Structure formats: C-alpha cells, structure tokens
Amino acid sequence: MSTNNILDSWNEVKALIDQAEVDVLKNANGNSAAGVRARRALRLLKGKTSALVKLTIAEEKSRKADG
C-alpha cells in the first residue's frame, strides 16, 4: 500500500462526483433519465468511497506496524 494508491483512489472519487453532478442537475430540472444515471453513479460512488476508507485504514495500520 502507498499514498499513491490513496491519491489515485481519491482522484477516482472526485471524477465520479464531477460526472454525477451533471446528471443530478439535469434531474433537478426534470430529466428522469438523468435521475437514473445519477442514482447509478451515486451507488458506484458509495462503493468507491467505502474502498477508499478501507485503503486509508490499511495504510495507517501499516505505518503503525512499521514505526
């Protein structure tokens, strides 16, 4: 594990948020299909953020074990 993995994962999360924002805004203006895409993106985002949390915890444990 390394900080590069954490940063790569974080950048993926940020990109997903940016992509989902377009569909959330379209859905807020009445586009139902955009709502479906936004919810799909949010579910994916939930999984990615969960993986990021686990990754950061593992990295912190690794640092404590090494030092």
N, C-alpha and C. Protein backbone atom coordinates (compact mmCIF):
# COMPACT_ATOMS: atom_id res chain seq x y z
N MET A 1 0.85 -1.17 0.00
CA MET A 1 0.00 0.00 0.00
C MET A 1 0.89 1.24 0.00
N SER A 2 0.39 2.28 -0.61
CA SER A 2 1.15 3.51 -0.61
C SER A 2 0.22 4.69 -0.74
N THR A 3 0.78 5.86 -0.54
CA THR A 3 -0.03 7.06 -0.66
C THR A 3 -0.48 7.27 -2.10
N ASN A 4 0.28 6.73 -3.08
CA ASN A 4 -0.14 6.84 -4.47
C ASN A 4 -1.47 6.13 -4.68
N ASN A 5 -1.64 4.95 -4.06
CA ASN A 5 -2.91 4.23 -4.18
C ASN A 5 -4.05 5.05 -3.58
N ILE A 6 -3.78 5.69 -2.46
CA ILE A 6 -4.81 6.50 -1.81
C ILE A 6 -5.16 7.69 -2.70
N LEU A 7 -4.16 8.35 -3.22
CA LEU A 7 -4.41 9.52 -4.08
C LEU A 7 -5.11 9.12 -5.38
N ASP A 8 -4.72 7.99 -5.95
CA ASP A 8 -5.39 7.51 -7.16
C ASP A 8 -6.87 7.23 -6.89
N SER A 9 -7.13 6.60 -5.77
CA SER A 9 -8.50 6.29 -5.39
C SER A 9 -9.29 7.57 -5.15
N TRP A 10 -8.67 8.53 -4.49
CA TRP A 10 -9.33 9.81 -4.23
C TRP A 10 -9.65 10.53 -5.54
N ASN A 11 -8.72 10.49 -6.49
CA ASN A 11 -8.97 11.13 -7.78
C ASN A 11 -10.12 10.46 -8.53
N GLU A 12 -10.26 9.14 -8.38
CA GLU A 12 -11.39 8.44 -8.98
C GLU A 12 -12.71 8.91 -8.37
N VAL A 13 -12.71 9.08 -7.06
CA VAL A 13 -13.92 9.55 -6.37
C VAL A 13 -14.29 10.95 -6.85
N LYS A 14 -13.29 11.83 -6.94
CA LYS A 14 -13.57 13.20 -7.40
C LYS A 14 -14.11 13.21 -8.83
N ALA A 15 -13.56 12.36 -9.69
CA ALA A 15 -14.03 12.30 -11.08
C ALA A 15 -15.47 11.81 -11.13
N LEU A 16 -15.80 10.82 -10.31
CA LEU A 16 -17.18 10.32 -10.27
C LEU A 16 -18.14 11.40 -9.80
N ILE A 17 -17.73 12.18 -8.82
CA ILE A 17 -18.57 13.27 -8.33
C ILE A 17 -18.82 14.28 -9.44
N ASP A 18 -17.77 14.64 -10.16
CA ASP A 18 -17.91 15.60 -11.26
C ASP A 18 -18.86 15.07 -12.33
N GLN A 19 -18.75 13.80 -12.66
CA GLN A 19 -19.62 13.20 -13.67
C GLN A 19 -21.06 13.14 -13.19
N ALA A 20 -21.25 12.79 -11.93
CA ALA A 20 -22.61 12.66 -11.38
C ALA A 20 -23.29 14.02 -11.26
N GLU A 21 -22.52 15.06 -11.04
CA GLU A 21 -23.10 16.39 -10.85
C GLU A 21 -23.93 16.82 -12.05
N VAL A 22 -23.46 16.52 -13.24
CA VAL A 22 -24.19 16.89 -14.45
C VAL A 22 -25.56 16.23 -14.45
N ASP A 23 -25.61 14.95 -14.14
CA ASP A 23 -26.88 14.24 -14.15
C ASP A 23 -27.79 14.67 -12.99
N VAL A 24 -27.22 14.99 -11.85
CA VAL A 24 -28.02 15.47 -10.72
C VAL A 24 -28.69 16.80 -11.09
N LEU A 25 -27.94 17.68 -11.73
CA LEU A 25 -28.51 18.97 -12.14
C LEU A 25 -29.60 18.79 -13.19
N LYS A 26 -29.37 17.89 -14.15
CA LYS A 26 -30.39 17.62 -15.16
C LYS A 26 -31.64 17.03 -14.52
N ASN A 27 -31.46 16.13 -13.54
CA ASN A 27 -32.59 15.53 -12.85
C ASN A 27 -33.36 16.58 -12.06
N ALA A 28 -32.66 17.51 -11.46
CA ALA A 28 -33.32 18.57 -10.70
C ALA A 28 -34.19 19.44 -11.59
N ASN A 29 -33.84 19.49 -12.87
CA ASN A 29 -34.62 20.26 -13.84
C ASN A 29 -35.67 19.42 -14.55
N GLY A 30 -35.89 18.18 -14.07
CA GLY A 30 -36.99 17.39 -14.59
C GLY A 30 -36.64 16.25 -15.52
N ASN A 31 -35.38 15.99 -15.77
CA ASN A 31 -34.98 14.92 -16.67
C ASN A 31 -34.91 13.60 -15.89
N SER A 32 -35.90 12.74 -16.12
CA SER A 32 -35.99 11.47 -15.38
C SER A 32 -34.86 10.52 -15.71
N ALA A 33 -34.44 10.45 -16.96
CA ALA A 33 -33.35 9.56 -17.34
C ALA A 33 -32.05 9.95 -16.64
N ALA A 34 -31.87 11.25 -16.47
CA ALA A 34 -30.67 11.72 -15.76
C ALA A 34 -30.72 11.28 -14.30
N GLY A 35 -31.91 11.18 -13.74
CA GLY A 35 -32.05 10.70 -12.37
C GLY A 35 -31.59 9.27 -12.22
N VAL A 36 -31.92 8.45 -13.21
CA VAL A 36 -31.48 7.05 -13.20
C VAL A 36 -29.95 6.99 -13.25
N ARG A 37 -29.36 7.79 -14.15
CA ARG A 37 -27.90 7.82 -14.26
C ARG A 37 -27.25 8.35 -12.99
N ALA A 38 -27.85 9.36 -12.38
CA ALA A 38 -27.31 9.94 -11.15
C ALA A 38 -27.34 8.92 -10.02
N ARG A 39 -28.45 8.18 -9.88
CA ARG A 39 -28.52 7.18 -8.82
C ARG A 39 -27.52 6.06 -9.04
N ARG A 40 -27.33 5.67 -10.29
CA ARG A 40 -26.33 4.64 -10.60
C ARG A 40 -24.93 5.14 -10.21
N ALA A 41 -24.65 6.39 -10.55
CA ALA A 41 -23.34 6.97 -10.22
C ALA A 41 -23.16 7.07 -8.71
N LEU A 42 -24.23 7.41 -8.00
CA LEU A 42 -24.13 7.52 -6.54
C LEU A 42 -23.89 6.17 -5.89
N ARG A 43 -24.50 5.12 -6.43
CA ARG A 43 -24.24 3.77 -5.90
C ARG A 43 -22.78 3.38 -6.12
N LEU A 44 -22.28 3.68 -7.31
CA LEU A 44 -20.88 3.39 -7.62
C LEU A 44 -19.97 4.21 -6.70
N LEU A 45 -20.34 5.46 -6.49
CA LEU A 45 -19.56 6.33 -5.62
C LEU A 45 -19.53 5.80 -4.19
N LYS A 46 -20.63 5.25 -3.75
CA LYS A 46 -20.70 4.67 -2.40
C LYS A 46 -19.67 3.54 -2.26
N GLY A 47 -19.58 2.69 -3.27
CA GLY A 47 -18.62 1.60 -3.24
C GLY A 47 -17.18 2.09 -3.29
N LYS A 48 -16.93 3.09 -4.12
CA LYS A 48 -15.57 3.64 -4.24
C LYS A 48 -15.14 4.32 -2.94
N THR A 49 -16.04 5.05 -2.31
CA THR A 49 -15.68 5.72 -1.07
C THR A 49 -15.44 4.71 0.05
N SER A 50 -16.22 3.65 0.07
CA SER A 50 -16.03 2.60 1.05
C SER A 50 -14.65 1.95 0.87
N ALA A 51 -14.28 1.70 -0.38
CA ALA A 51 -12.97 1.12 -0.66
C ALA A 51 -11.85 2.08 -0.25
N LEU A 52 -12.07 3.38 -0.45
CA LEU A 52 -11.07 4.37 -0.05
C LEU A 52 -10.89 4.39 1.46
N VAL A 53 -11.97 4.30 2.19
CA VAL A 53 -11.89 4.27 3.65
C VAL A 53 -11.06 3.06 4.09
N LYS A 54 -11.35 1.89 3.53
CA LYS A 54 -10.61 0.68 3.89
C LYS A 54 -9.13 0.81 3.54
N LEU A 55 -8.85 1.42 2.40
CA LEU A 55 -7.48 1.62 1.96
C LEU A 55 -6.72 2.52 2.93
N THR A 56 -7.35 3.61 3.35
CA THR A 56 -6.67 4.52 4.28
C THR A 56 -6.44 3.87 5.63
N ILE A 57 -7.41 3.08 6.09
CA ILE A 57 -7.24 2.37 7.37
C ILE A 57 -6.08 1.38 7.28
N ALA A 58 -6.02 0.64 6.19
CA ALA A 58 -4.94 -0.33 6.00
C ALA A 58 -3.59 0.38 5.95
N GLU A 59 -3.53 1.53 5.30
CA GLU A 59 -2.28 2.29 5.21
C GLU A 59 -1.84 2.78 6.59
N GLU A 60 -2.79 3.26 7.37
CA GLU A 60 -2.45 3.74 8.71
C GLU A 60 -1.96 2.59 9.59
N LYS A 61 -2.59 1.44 9.50
CA LYS A 61 -2.14 0.27 10.27
C LYS A 61 -0.75 -0.15 9.85
N SER A 62 -0.49 -0.09 8.54
CA SER A 62 0.82 -0.45 8.03
C SER A 62 1.90 0.49 8.56
N ARG A 63 1.60 1.78 8.61
CA ARG A 63 2.55 2.77 9.11
C ARG A 63 2.85 2.53 10.59
N LYS A 64 1.79 2.22 11.36
CA LYS A 64 1.98 1.98 12.79
C LYS A 64 2.82 0.73 13.04
N ALA A 65 2.62 -0.29 12.21
CA ALA A 65 3.38 -1.53 12.37
C ALA A 65 4.85 -1.33 12.01
N ASP A 66 5.11 -0.46 11.03
CA ASP A 66 6.48 -0.21 10.60
C ASP A 66 7.24 0.70 11.57
N GLY A 67 6.53 1.58 12.22
CA GLY A 67 7.27 2.55 13.01
C GLY A 67 6.93 2.54 14.41
